PDB file of all heavy atoms in Angstrom:
ATOM      1  N   ARG A   1       0.838  -1.247  -0.004  1.00  0.00           N
ATOM      2  CA  ARG A   1      -0.010  -0.023   0.033  1.00  0.00           C
ATOM      3  C   ARG A   1       0.889   1.265   0.000  1.00  0.00           C
ATOM      4  O   ARG A   1       0.603   2.227  -0.704  1.00  0.00           O
ATOM      5  CB  ARG A   1      -0.916  -0.057   1.203  1.00  0.00           C
ATOM      6  CG  ARG A   1      -2.038   1.028   1.125  1.00  0.00           C
ATOM      7  CD  ARG A   1      -2.888   1.054   2.405  1.00  0.00           C
ATOM      8  NE  ARG A   1      -2.172   1.807   3.456  1.00  0.00           N
ATOM      9  CZ  ARG A   1      -2.299   3.120   3.623  1.00  0.00           C
ATOM     10  NH1 ARG A   1      -3.039   3.881   2.832  1.00  0.00           N
ATOM     11  NH2 ARG A   1      -1.617   3.681   4.582  1.00  0.00           N
ATOM     12  N   LYS A   2       1.947   1.244   0.719  1.00  0.00           N
ATOM     13  CA  LYS A   2       2.877   2.335   0.779  1.00  0.00           C
ATOM     14  C   LYS A   2       3.517   2.552  -0.596  1.00  0.00           C
ATOM     15  O   LYS A   2       3.773   3.711  -1.064  1.00  0.00           O
ATOM     16  CB  LYS A   2       3.960   2.153   1.810  1.00  0.00           C
ATOM     17  CG  LYS A   2       3.436   2.333   3.236  1.00  0.00           C
ATOM     18  CD  LYS A   2       4.517   2.086   4.285  1.00  0.00           C
ATOM     19  CE  LYS A   2       3.972   2.249   5.713  1.00  0.00           C
ATOM     20  NZ  LYS A   2       5.076   1.997   6.711  1.00  0.00           N
ATOM     21  N   ARG A   3       3.752   1.472  -1.303  1.00  0.00           N
ATOM     22  CA  ARG A   3       4.293   1.553  -2.673  1.00  0.00           C
ATOM     23  C   ARG A   3       3.311   2.205  -3.609  1.00  0.00           C
ATOM     24  O   ARG A   3       3.642   3.014  -4.436  1.00  0.00           O
ATOM     25  CB  ARG A   3       4.674   0.167  -3.142  1.00  0.00           C
ATOM     26  CG  ARG A   3       5.649   0.138  -4.361  1.00  0.00           C
ATOM     27  CD  ARG A   3       6.085  -1.227  -4.679  1.00  0.00           C
ATOM     28  NE  ARG A   3       7.058  -1.258  -5.711  1.00  0.00           N
ATOM     29  CZ  ARG A   3       8.375  -1.325  -5.529  1.00  0.00           C
ATOM     30  NH1 ARG A   3       8.857  -1.387  -4.290  1.00  0.00           N
ATOM     31  NH2 ARG A   3       9.179  -1.331  -6.541  1.00  0.00           N
ATOM     32  N   MET A   4       1.966   1.814  -3.384  1.00  0.00           N
ATOM     33  CA  MET A   4       0.970   2.434  -4.198  1.00  0.00           C
ATOM     34  C   MET A   4       0.859   3.952  -3.973  1.00  0.00           C
ATOM     35  O   MET A   4       0.639   4.724  -4.927  1.00  0.00           O
ATOM     36  CB  MET A   4      -0.375   1.780  -3.859  1.00  0.00           C
ATOM     37  CG  MET A   4      -1.569   2.351  -4.620  1.00  0.00           C
ATOM     38  SD  MET A   4      -3.143   1.462  -4.243  1.00  0.00           S
ATOM     39  CE  MET A   4      -3.438   2.014  -2.540  1.00  0.00           C
ATOM     40  N   LEU A   5       1.081   4.365  -2.740  1.00  0.00           N
ATOM     41  CA  LEU A   5       0.998   5.783  -2.387  1.00  0.00           C
ATOM     42  C   LEU A   5       2.128   6.609  -3.013  1.00  0.00           C
ATOM     43  O   LEU A   5       1.944   7.789  -3.225  1.00  0.00           O
ATOM     44  CB  LEU A   5       1.002   5.990  -0.894  1.00  0.00           C
ATOM     45  CG  LEU A   5      -0.223   5.419  -0.105  1.00  0.00           C
ATOM     46  CD1 LEU A   5      -0.050   5.678   1.360  1.00  0.00           C
ATOM     47  CD2 LEU A   5      -1.485   5.992  -0.671  1.00  0.00           C
ATOM     48  N   LEU A   6       3.269   5.928  -3.375  1.00  0.00           N
ATOM     49  CA  LEU A   6       4.274   6.694  -4.113  1.00  0.00           C
ATOM     50  C   LEU A   6       3.784   7.146  -5.413  1.00  0.00           C
ATOM     51  O   LEU A   6       4.169   8.218  -5.945  1.00  0.00           O
ATOM     52  CB  LEU A   6       5.494   5.806  -4.295  1.00  0.00           C
ATOM     53  CG  LEU A   6       6.254   5.393  -3.034  1.00  0.00           C
ATOM     54  CD1 LEU A   6       7.395   4.422  -3.378  1.00  0.00           C
ATOM     55  CD2 LEU A   6       6.823   6.611  -2.333  1.00  0.00           C
ATOM     56  N   SER A   7       2.873   6.380  -6.025  1.00  0.00           N
ATOM     57  CA  SER A   7       2.318   6.747  -7.321  1.00  0.00           C
ATOM     58  C   SER A   7       1.058   7.557  -7.166  1.00  0.00           C
ATOM     59  O   SER A   7       0.765   8.512  -7.957  1.00  0.00           O
ATOM     60  CB  SER A   7       2.011   5.517  -8.168  1.00  0.00           C
ATOM     61  OG  SER A   7       3.167   4.819  -8.529  1.00  0.00           O
ATOM     62  N   PHE A   8       0.281   7.283  -6.129  1.00  0.00           N
ATOM     63  CA  PHE A   8      -1.001   7.882  -5.961  1.00  0.00           C
ATOM     64  C   PHE A   8      -1.146   8.403  -4.499  1.00  0.00           C
ATOM     65  O   PHE A   8      -1.869   7.749  -3.692  1.00  0.00           O
ATOM     66  CB  PHE A   8      -2.203   6.998  -6.254  1.00  0.00           C
ATOM     67  CG  PHE A   8      -2.192   6.544  -7.686  1.00  0.00           C
ATOM     68  CD1 PHE A   8      -1.856   5.260  -8.057  1.00  0.00           C
ATOM     69  CD2 PHE A   8      -2.563   7.419  -8.759  1.00  0.00           C
ATOM     70  CE1 PHE A   8      -1.856   4.810  -9.358  1.00  0.00           C
ATOM     71  CE2 PHE A   8      -2.532   7.032 -10.058  1.00  0.00           C
ATOM     72  CZ  PHE A   8      -2.205   5.721 -10.380  1.00  0.00           C
ATOM     73  N   PRO A   9      -0.479   9.479  -4.081  1.00  0.00           N
ATOM     74  CA  PRO A   9      -0.598   9.949  -2.680  1.00  0.00           C
ATOM     75  C   PRO A   9      -2.000  10.308  -2.265  1.00  0.00           C
ATOM     76  O   PRO A   9      -2.327  10.374  -1.070  1.00  0.00           O
ATOM     77  CB  PRO A   9       0.372  11.153  -2.691  1.00  0.00           C
ATOM     78  CG  PRO A   9       0.514  11.535  -4.103  1.00  0.00           C
ATOM     79  CD  PRO A   9       0.444  10.343  -4.910  1.00  0.00           C
ATOM     80  N   GLN A  10      -2.897  10.561  -3.228  1.00  0.00           N
ATOM     81  CA  GLN A  10      -4.306  10.938  -2.947  1.00  0.00           C
ATOM     82  C   GLN A  10      -5.056   9.730  -2.390  1.00  0.00           C
ATOM     83  O   GLN A  10      -6.200   9.907  -1.947  1.00  0.00           O
ATOM     84  CB  GLN A  10      -5.038  11.515  -4.146  1.00  0.00           C
ATOM     85  CG  GLN A  10      -5.132  10.582  -5.365  1.00  0.00           C
ATOM     86  CD  GLN A  10      -3.962  10.698  -6.332  1.00  0.00           C
ATOM     87  OE1 GLN A  10      -2.799  10.656  -5.947  1.00  0.00           O
ATOM     88  NE2 GLN A  10      -4.259  10.886  -7.611  1.00  0.00           N
ATOM     89  N   LEU A  11      -4.466   8.546  -2.387  1.00  0.00           N
ATOM     90  CA  LEU A  11      -5.140   7.385  -1.846  1.00  0.00           C
ATOM     91  C   LEU A  11      -4.733   7.088  -0.422  1.00  0.00           C
ATOM     92  O   LEU A  11      -4.892   5.958   0.051  1.00  0.00           O
ATOM     93  CB  LEU A  11      -4.856   6.156  -2.762  1.00  0.00           C
ATOM     94  CG  LEU A  11      -5.250   6.303  -4.229  1.00  0.00           C
ATOM     95  CD1 LEU A  11      -5.015   4.964  -4.946  1.00  0.00           C
ATOM     96  CD2 LEU A  11      -6.716   6.747  -4.379  1.00  0.00           C
ATOM     97  N   THR A  12      -4.240   8.039   0.266  1.00  0.00           N
ATOM     98  CA  THR A  12      -3.712   7.805   1.617  1.00  0.00           C
ATOM     99  C   THR A  12      -4.769   7.214   2.575  1.00  0.00           C
ATOM    100  O   THR A  12      -4.356   6.505   3.494  1.00  0.00           O
ATOM    101  CB  THR A  12      -3.181   9.117   2.214  1.00  0.00           C
ATOM    102  OG1 THR A  12      -2.578   8.879   3.508  1.00  0.00           O
ATOM    103  CG2 THR A  12      -4.314  10.160   2.346  1.00  0.00           C
ATOM    104  N   ASN A  13      -6.036   7.465   2.352  1.00  0.00           N
ATOM    105  CA  ASN A  13      -7.053   6.936   3.253  1.00  0.00           C
ATOM    106  C   ASN A  13      -7.694   5.690   2.676  1.00  0.00           C
ATOM    107  O   ASN A  13      -8.717   5.185   3.217  1.00  0.00           O
ATOM    108  CB  ASN A  13      -8.146   8.005   3.529  1.00  0.00           C
ATOM    109  CG  ASN A  13      -7.613   9.164   4.336  1.00  0.00           C
ATOM    110  OD1 ASN A  13      -6.812   8.973   5.243  1.00  0.00           O
ATOM    111  ND2 ASN A  13      -8.035  10.359   3.985  1.00  0.00           N
ATOM    112  N   VAL A  14      -7.170   5.164   1.619  1.00  0.00           N
ATOM    113  CA  VAL A  14      -7.749   3.936   0.950  1.00  0.00           C
ATOM    114  C   VAL A  14      -6.989   2.738   1.458  1.00  0.00           C
ATOM    115  O   VAL A  14      -5.746   2.672   1.343  1.00  0.00           O
ATOM    116  CB  VAL A  14      -7.638   4.080  -0.581  1.00  0.00           C
ATOM    117  CG1 VAL A  14      -8.128   2.766  -1.237  1.00  0.00           C
ATOM    118  CG2 VAL A  14      -8.475   5.257  -1.086  1.00  0.00           C
ATOM    119  N   LYS A  15      -7.718   1.741   1.915  1.00  0.00           N
ATOM    120  CA  LYS A  15      -7.113   0.550   2.494  1.00  0.00           C
ATOM    121  C   LYS A  15      -6.803  -0.470   1.378  1.00  0.00           C
ATOM    122  O   LYS A  15      -7.428  -0.467   0.331  1.00  0.00           O
ATOM    123  CB  LYS A  15      -8.012  -0.077   3.567  1.00  0.00           C
ATOM    124  CG  LYS A  15      -8.243   0.830   4.727  1.00  0.00           C
ATOM    125  CD  LYS A  15      -9.247   0.178   5.703  1.00  0.00           C
ATOM    126  CE  LYS A  15      -9.543   1.079   6.907  1.00  0.00           C
ATOM    127  NZ  LYS A  15     -10.536   0.435   7.816  1.00  0.00           N
ATOM    128  N   ALA A  16      -5.885  -1.404   1.670  1.00  0.00           N
ATOM    129  CA  ALA A  16      -5.639  -2.549   0.836  1.00  0.00           C
ATOM    130  C   ALA A  16      -6.475  -3.697   1.398  1.00  0.00           C
ATOM    131  O   ALA A  16      -6.245  -4.190   2.476  1.00  0.00           O
ATOM    132  CB  ALA A  16      -4.148  -2.957   0.870  1.00  0.00           C
ATOM    133  N   GLU A  17      -7.495  -4.146   0.629  1.00  0.00           N
ATOM    134  CA  GLU A  17      -8.415  -5.171   1.075  1.00  0.00           C
ATOM    135  C   GLU A  17      -7.806  -6.564   0.804  1.00  0.00           C
ATOM    136  O   GLU A  17      -8.097  -7.493   1.597  1.00  0.00           O
ATOM    137  CB  GLU A  17      -9.759  -5.023   0.413  1.00  0.00           C
ATOM    138  CG  GLU A  17     -10.770  -5.970   0.980  1.00  0.00           C
ATOM    139  CD  GLU A  17     -12.232  -5.676   0.462  1.00  0.00           C
ATOM    140  OE1 GLU A  17     -12.391  -4.612  -0.118  1.00  0.00           O
ATOM    141  OE2 GLU A  17     -13.065  -6.537   0.666  1.00  0.00           O
ATOM    142  N   TYR A  18      -7.111  -6.720  -0.308  1.00  0.00           N
ATOM    143  CA  TYR A  18      -6.584  -8.036  -0.634  1.00  0.00           C
ATOM    144  C   TYR A  18      -5.038  -7.851  -0.865  1.00  0.00           C
ATOM    145  O   TYR A  18      -4.573  -6.813  -1.385  1.00  0.00           O
ATOM    146  CB  TYR A  18      -7.131  -8.559  -1.885  1.00  0.00           C
ATOM    147  CG  TYR A  18      -8.599  -8.852  -1.834  1.00  0.00           C
ATOM    148  CD1 TYR A  18      -9.531  -7.910  -2.170  1.00  0.00           C
ATOM    149  CD2 TYR A  18      -9.067 -10.065  -1.419  1.00  0.00           C
ATOM    150  CE1 TYR A  18     -10.947  -8.115  -2.102  1.00  0.00           C
ATOM    151  CE2 TYR A  18     -10.426 -10.373  -1.314  1.00  0.00           C
ATOM    152  CZ  TYR A  18     -11.345  -9.387  -1.659  1.00  0.00           C
ATOM    153  OH  TYR A  18     -12.706  -9.677  -1.546  1.00  0.00           O
ATOM    154  N   ALA A  19      -4.257  -8.891  -0.514  1.00  0.00           N
ATOM    155  CA  ALA A  19      -2.814  -8.911  -0.772  1.00  0.00           C
ATOM    156  C   ALA A  19      -2.393 -10.369  -1.003  1.00  0.00           C
ATOM    157  O   ALA A  19      -2.702 -11.215  -0.251  1.00  0.00           O
ATOM    158  CB  ALA A  19      -2.018  -8.312   0.441  1.00  0.00           C
ATOM    159  N   TRP A  20      -1.739 -10.557  -2.129  1.00  0.00           N
ATOM    160  CA  TRP A  20      -1.281 -11.920  -2.506  1.00  0.00           C
ATOM    161  C   TRP A  20      -0.052 -11.866  -3.337  1.00  0.00           C
ATOM    162  O   TRP A  20       0.494 -10.746  -3.535  1.00  0.00           O
ATOM    163  CB  TRP A  20      -2.431 -12.675  -3.230  1.00  0.00           C
ATOM    164  CG  TRP A  20      -2.750 -12.140  -4.618  1.00  0.00           C
ATOM    165  CD1 TRP A  20      -2.305 -12.716  -5.797  1.00  0.00           C
ATOM    166  CD2 TRP A  20      -3.528 -10.996  -4.996  1.00  0.00           C
ATOM    167  NE1 TRP A  20      -2.826 -11.984  -6.850  1.00  0.00           N
ATOM    168  CE2 TRP A  20      -3.469 -10.921  -6.382  1.00  0.00           C
ATOM    169  CE3 TRP A  20      -4.164 -10.016  -4.253  1.00  0.00           C
ATOM    170  CZ2 TRP A  20      -4.165  -9.882  -7.061  1.00  0.00           C
ATOM    171  CZ3 TRP A  20      -4.815  -8.989  -4.938  1.00  0.00           C
ATOM    172  CH2 TRP A  20      -4.785  -8.915  -6.331  1.00  0.00           C
ATOM    173  N   GLY A  21       0.404 -12.970  -3.817  1.00  0.00           N
ATOM    174  CA  GLY A  21       1.553 -12.972  -4.634  1.00  0.00           C
ATOM    175  C   GLY A  21       1.791 -14.373  -5.256  1.00  0.00           C
ATOM    176  O   GLY A  21       0.916 -15.234  -5.207  1.00  0.00           O
ATOM    177  N   GLY A  22       2.987 -14.565  -5.725  1.00  0.00           N
ATOM    178  CA  GLY A  22       3.364 -15.893  -6.319  1.00  0.00           C
ATOM    179  C   GLY A  22       4.719 -15.788  -6.928  1.00  0.00           C
ATOM    180  O   GLY A  22       5.412 -14.784  -6.824  1.00  0.00           O
ATOM    181  N   PHE A  23       5.078 -16.838  -7.577  1.00  0.00           N
ATOM    182  CA  PHE A  23       6.435 -16.964  -8.187  1.00  0.00           C
ATOM    183  C   PHE A  23       6.357 -17.054  -9.697  1.00  0.00           C
ATOM    184  O   PHE A  23       5.599 -17.811 -10.238  1.00  0.00           O
ATOM    185  CB  PHE A  23       7.169 -18.198  -7.627  1.00  0.00           C
ATOM    186  CG  PHE A  23       7.463 -18.024  -6.161  1.00  0.00           C
ATOM    187  CD1 PHE A  23       6.582 -18.622  -5.209  1.00  0.00           C
ATOM    188  CD2 PHE A  23       8.498 -17.331  -5.715  1.00  0.00           C
ATOM    189  CE1 PHE A  23       6.831 -18.486  -3.841  1.00  0.00           C
ATOM    190  CE2 PHE A  23       8.806 -17.177  -4.352  1.00  0.00           C
ATOM    191  CZ  PHE A  23       7.939 -17.767  -3.419  1.00  0.00           C
ATOM    192  N   VAL A  24       7.209 -16.202 -10.316  1.00  0.00           N
ATOM    193  CA  VAL A  24       7.374 -16.286 -11.771  1.00  0.00           C
ATOM    194  C   VAL A  24       8.677 -16.940 -12.053  1.00  0.00           C
ATOM    195  O   VAL A  24       9.595 -16.982 -11.227  1.00  0.00           O
ATOM    196  CB  VAL A  24       7.302 -14.858 -12.423  1.00  0.00           C
ATOM    197  CG1 VAL A  24       5.950 -14.236 -12.206  1.00  0.00           C
ATOM    198  CG2 VAL A  24       8.402 -13.957 -11.841  1.00  0.00           C
ATOM    199  N   ASP A  25       8.805 -17.480 -13.273  1.00  0.00           N
ATOM    200  CA  ASP A  25       9.977 -18.218 -13.675  1.00  0.00           C
ATOM    201  C   ASP A  25      10.836 -17.438 -14.613  1.00  0.00           C
ATOM    202  O   ASP A  25      10.636 -17.370 -15.797  1.00  0.00           O
ATOM    203  CB  ASP A  25       9.520 -19.546 -14.380  1.00  0.00           C
ATOM    204  CG  ASP A  25       8.564 -19.284 -15.533  1.00  0.00           C
ATOM    205  OD1 ASP A  25       7.811 -18.323 -15.424  1.00  0.00           O
ATOM    206  OD2 ASP A  25       8.556 -20.065 -16.496  1.00  0.00           O
ATOM    207  N   ILE A  26      11.838 -16.743 -14.033  1.00  0.00           N
ATOM    208  CA  ILE A  26      12.673 -15.886 -14.899  1.00  0.00           C
ATOM    209  C   ILE A  26      13.877 -16.680 -15.400  1.00  0.00           C
ATOM    210  O   ILE A  26      14.437 -17.554 -14.713  1.00  0.00           O
ATOM    211  CB  ILE A  26      13.122 -14.621 -14.161  1.00  0.00           C
ATOM    212  CG1 ILE A  26      14.155 -14.954 -13.052  1.00  0.00           C
ATOM    213  CG2 ILE A  26      11.961 -13.853 -13.581  1.00  0.00           C
ATOM    214  CD1 ILE A  26      14.903 -13.727 -12.529  1.00  0.00           C
ATOM    215  N   SER A  27      14.223 -16.380 -16.650  1.00  0.00           N
ATOM    216  CA  SER A  27      15.469 -16.907 -17.208  1.00  0.00           C
ATOM    217  C   SER A  27      16.555 -15.886 -17.071  1.00  0.00           C
ATOM    218  O   SER A  27      16.271 -14.704 -16.776  1.00  0.00           O
ATOM    219  CB  SER A  27      15.272 -17.312 -18.738  1.00  0.00           C
ATOM    220  OG  SER A  27      14.921 -16.137 -19.432  1.00  0.00           O
ATOM    221  N   MET A  28      17.795 -16.274 -17.270  1.00  0.00           N
ATOM    222  CA  MET A  28      18.874 -15.370 -17.104  1.00  0.00           C
ATOM    223  C   MET A  28      18.775 -14.121 -17.948  1.00  0.00           C
ATOM    224  O   MET A  28      19.015 -12.976 -17.534  1.00  0.00           O
ATOM    225  CB  MET A  28      20.225 -16.064 -17.333  1.00  0.00           C
ATOM    226  CG  MET A  28      21.421 -15.180 -17.190  1.00  0.00           C
ATOM    227  SD  MET A  28      21.775 -14.742 -15.483  1.00  0.00           S
ATOM    228  CE  MET A  28      22.822 -16.096 -15.010  1.00  0.00           C
ATOM    229  N   ASN A  29      18.412 -14.276 -19.230  1.00  0.00           N
ATOM    230  CA  ASN A  29      18.259 -13.159 -20.127  1.00  0.00           C
ATOM    231  C   ASN A  29      16.792 -12.625 -20.297  1.00  0.00           C
ATOM    232  O   ASN A  29      16.519 -11.781 -21.077  1.00  0.00           O
ATOM    233  CB  ASN A  29      18.821 -13.486 -21.516  1.00  0.00           C
ATOM    234  CG  ASN A  29      18.114 -14.637 -22.141  1.00  0.00           C
ATOM    235  OD1 ASN A  29      17.092 -15.123 -21.682  1.00  0.00           O
ATOM    236  ND2 ASN A  29      18.667 -15.128 -23.258  1.00  0.00           N
ATOM    237  N   ARG A  30      15.901 -13.263 -19.505  1.00  0.00           N
ATOM    238  CA  ARG A  30      14.491 -12.907 -19.472  1.00  0.00           C
ATOM    239  C   ARG A  30      13.744 -13.241 -20.785  1.00  0.00           C
ATOM    240  O   ARG A  30      12.635 -12.756 -21.012  1.00  0.00           O
ATOM    241  CB  ARG A  30      14.251 -11.440 -19.056  1.00  0.00           C
ATOM    242  CG  ARG A  30      14.803 -11.140 -17.680  1.00  0.00           C
ATOM    243  CD  ARG A  30      14.120  -9.942 -17.027  1.00  0.00           C
ATOM    244  NE  ARG A  30      14.500  -9.852 -15.642  1.00  0.00           N
ATOM    245  CZ  ARG A  30      13.885  -9.127 -14.738  1.00  0.00           C
ATOM    246  NH1 ARG A  30      12.828  -8.476 -15.102  1.00  0.00           N
ATOM    247  NH2 ARG A  30      14.294  -9.061 -13.453  1.00  0.00           N
ATOM    248  N   ALA A  31      14.353 -13.970 -21.638  1.00  0.00           N
ATOM    249  CA  ALA A  31      13.664 -14.501 -22.834  1.00  0.00           C
ATOM    250  C   ALA A  31      13.089 -15.846 -22.520  1.00  0.00           C
ATOM    251  O   ALA A  31      13.551 -16.565 -21.609  1.00  0.00           O
ATOM    252  CB  ALA A  31      14.701 -14.619 -23.983  1.00  0.00           C
ATOM    253  N   PRO A  32      11.998 -16.218 -23.217  1.00  0.00           N
ATOM    254  CA  PRO A  32      11.367 -17.525 -22.941  1.00  0.00           C
ATOM    255  C   PRO A  32      12.276 -18.661 -23.304  1.00  0.00           C
ATOM    256  O   PRO A  32      13.087 -18.565 -24.239  1.00  0.00           O
ATOM    257  CB  PRO A  32      10.110 -17.463 -23.796  1.00  0.00           C
ATOM    258  CG  PRO A  32      10.347 -16.496 -24.899  1.00  0.00           C
ATOM    259  CD  PRO A  32      11.302 -15.465 -24.232  1.00  0.00           C
ATOM    260  N   ASP A  33      12.167 -19.777 -22.583  1.00  0.00           N
ATOM    261  CA  ASP A  33      12.959 -20.930 -22.789  1.00  0.00           C
ATOM    262  C   ASP A  33      12.056 -22.122 -23.158  1.00  0.00           C
ATOM    263  O   ASP A  33      11.403 -22.746 -22.300  1.00  0.00           O
ATOM    264  CB  ASP A  33      13.716 -21.272 -21.465  1.00  0.00           C
ATOM    265  CG  ASP A  33      14.621 -22.481 -21.575  1.00  0.00           C
ATOM    266  OD1 ASP A  33      14.893 -22.893 -22.755  1.00  0.00           O
ATOM    267  OD2 ASP A  33      14.974 -23.003 -20.534  1.00  0.00           O
ATOM    268  N   PHE A  34      11.956 -22.442 -24.457  1.00  0.00           N
ATOM    269  CA  PHE A  34      11.176 -23.530 -24.972  1.00  0.00           C
ATOM    270  C   PHE A  34      12.083 -24.525 -25.590  1.00  0.00           C
ATOM    271  O   PHE A  34      13.114 -24.156 -26.201  1.00  0.00           O
ATOM    272  CB  PHE A  34      10.180 -23.063 -26.081  1.00  0.00           C
ATOM    273  CG  PHE A  34       9.237 -21.913 -25.697  1.00  0.00           C
ATOM    274  CD1 PHE A  34       8.539 -21.231 -26.688  1.00  0.00           C
ATOM    275  CD2 PHE A  34       9.051 -21.527 -24.368  1.00  0.00           C
ATOM    276  CE1 PHE A  34       7.738 -20.174 -26.332  1.00  0.00           C
ATOM    277  CE2 PHE A  34       8.189 -20.535 -24.008  1.00  0.00           C
ATOM    278  CZ  PHE A  34       7.532 -19.807 -25.014  1.00  0.00           C
ATOM    279  N   GLY A  35      11.734 -25.849 -25.526  1.00  0.00           N
ATOM    280  CA  GLY A  35      12.558 -26.791 -26.178  1.00  0.00           C
ATOM    281  C   GLY A  35      12.118 -28.223 -25.898  1.00  0.00           C
ATOM    282  O   GLY A  35      11.048 -28.469 -25.440  1.00  0.00           O
ATOM    283  N   ARG A  36      13.016 -29.135 -26.232  1.00  0.00           N
ATOM    284  CA  ARG A  36      12.829 -30.541 -25.954  1.00  0.00           C
ATOM    285  C   ARG A  36      13.756 -30.995 -24.868  1.00  0.00           C
ATOM    286  O   ARG A  36      14.911 -30.550 -24.828  1.00  0.00           O
ATOM    287  CB  ARG A  36      13.047 -31.374 -27.246  1.00  0.00           C
ATOM    288  CG  ARG A  36      12.118 -31.022 -28.384  1.00  0.00           C
ATOM    289  CD  ARG A  36      12.676 -31.508 -29.692  1.00  0.00           C
ATOM    290  NE  ARG A  36      11.818 -31.109 -30.841  1.00  0.00           N
ATOM    291  CZ  ARG A  36      11.832 -29.919 -31.400  1.00  0.00           C
ATOM    292  NH1 ARG A  36      12.681 -28.992 -31.002  1.00  0.00           N
ATOM    293  NH2 ARG A  36      11.019 -29.702 -32.431  1.00  0.00           N
ATOM    294  N   LEU A  37      13.343 -31.871 -23.983  1.00  0.00           N
ATOM    295  CA  LEU A  37      14.150 -32.291 -22.871  1.00  0.00           C
ATOM    296  C   LEU A  37      15.455 -32.894 -23.348  1.00  0.00           C
ATOM    297  O   LEU A  37      16.516 -32.790 -22.671  1.00  0.00           O
ATOM    298  CB  LEU A  37      13.411 -33.197 -21.955  1.00  0.00           C
ATOM    299  CG  LEU A  37      14.014 -33.510 -20.595  1.00  0.00           C
ATOM    300  CD1 LEU A  37      14.220 -32.221 -19.760  1.00  0.00           C
ATOM    301  CD2 LEU A  37      13.194 -34.501 -19.804  1.00  0.00           C
ATOM    302  N   SER A  38      15.434 -33.587 -24.498  1.00  0.00           N
ATOM    303  CA  SER A  38      16.611 -34.190 -25.020  1.00  0.00           C
ATOM    304  C   SER A  38      17.754 -33.221 -25.323  1.00  0.00           C
ATOM    305  O   SER A  38      18.919 -33.519 -25.241  1.00  0.00           O
ATOM    306  CB  SER A  38      16.300 -34.936 -26.298  1.00  0.00           C
ATOM    307  OG  SER A  38      15.746 -34.048 -27.279  1.00  0.00           O
ATOM    308  N   GLU A  39      17.371 -31.972 -25.605  1.00  0.00           N
ATOM    309  CA  GLU A  39      18.387 -30.904 -25.833  1.00  0.00           C
ATOM    310  C   GLU A  39      19.073 -30.576 -24.586  1.00  0.00           C
ATOM    311  O   GLU A  39      20.183 -30.018 -24.636  1.00  0.00           O
ATOM    312  CB  GLU A  39      17.677 -29.704 -26.480  1.00  0.00           C
ATOM    313  CG  GLU A  39      17.034 -29.918 -27.828  1.00  0.00           C
ATOM    314  CD  GLU A  39      16.008 -28.883 -28.209  1.00  0.00           C
ATOM    315  OE1 GLU A  39      15.622 -28.037 -27.347  1.00  0.00           O
ATOM    316  OE2 GLU A  39      15.638 -28.845 -29.420  1.00  0.00           O
ATOM    317  N   ARG A  40      18.517 -30.845 -23.476  1.00  0.00           N
ATOM    318  CA  ARG A  40      19.139 -30.506 -22.192  1.00  0.00           C
ATOM    319  C   ARG A  40      19.840 -31.739 -21.571  1.00  0.00           C
ATOM    320  O   ARG A  40      20.840 -31.568 -20.841  1.00  0.00           O
ATOM    321  CB  ARG A  40      18.076 -29.998 -21.144  1.00  0.00           C
ATOM    322  CG  ARG A  40      17.194 -28.853 -21.712  1.00  0.00           C
ATOM    323  CD  ARG A  40      17.878 -27.550 -21.650  1.00  0.00           C
ATOM    324  NE  ARG A  40      18.882 -27.300 -22.634  1.00  0.00           N
ATOM    325  CZ  ARG A  40      18.657 -26.829 -23.904  1.00  0.00           C
ATOM    326  NH1 ARG A  40      17.405 -26.669 -24.274  1.00  0.00           N
ATOM    327  NH2 ARG A  40      19.697 -26.683 -24.706  1.00  0.00           N
ATOM    328  N   THR A  41      19.328 -32.925 -21.841  1.00  0.00           N
ATOM    329  CA  THR A  41      19.940 -34.130 -21.198  1.00  0.00           C
ATOM    330  C   THR A  41      20.896 -34.817 -22.160  1.00  0.00           C
ATOM    331  O   THR A  41      21.716 -35.653 -21.719  1.00  0.00           O
ATOM    332  CB  THR A  41      18.839 -35.082 -20.786  1.00  0.00           C
ATOM    333  OG1 THR A  41      18.184 -35.624 -21.992  1.00  0.00           O
ATOM    334  CG2 THR A  41      17.796 -34.443 -19.881  1.00  0.00           C
TER     335      THR A  41
END
């Protein structure tokens, strides 16, 4: 919520009702990694 207020200080009285997250799968160069398992093994 504090991060949101950096962009929108006018929301100082607005509460965060939901908060969640998760994990994304980043590659070293951030390009997608598609292939066949045989290419790796």
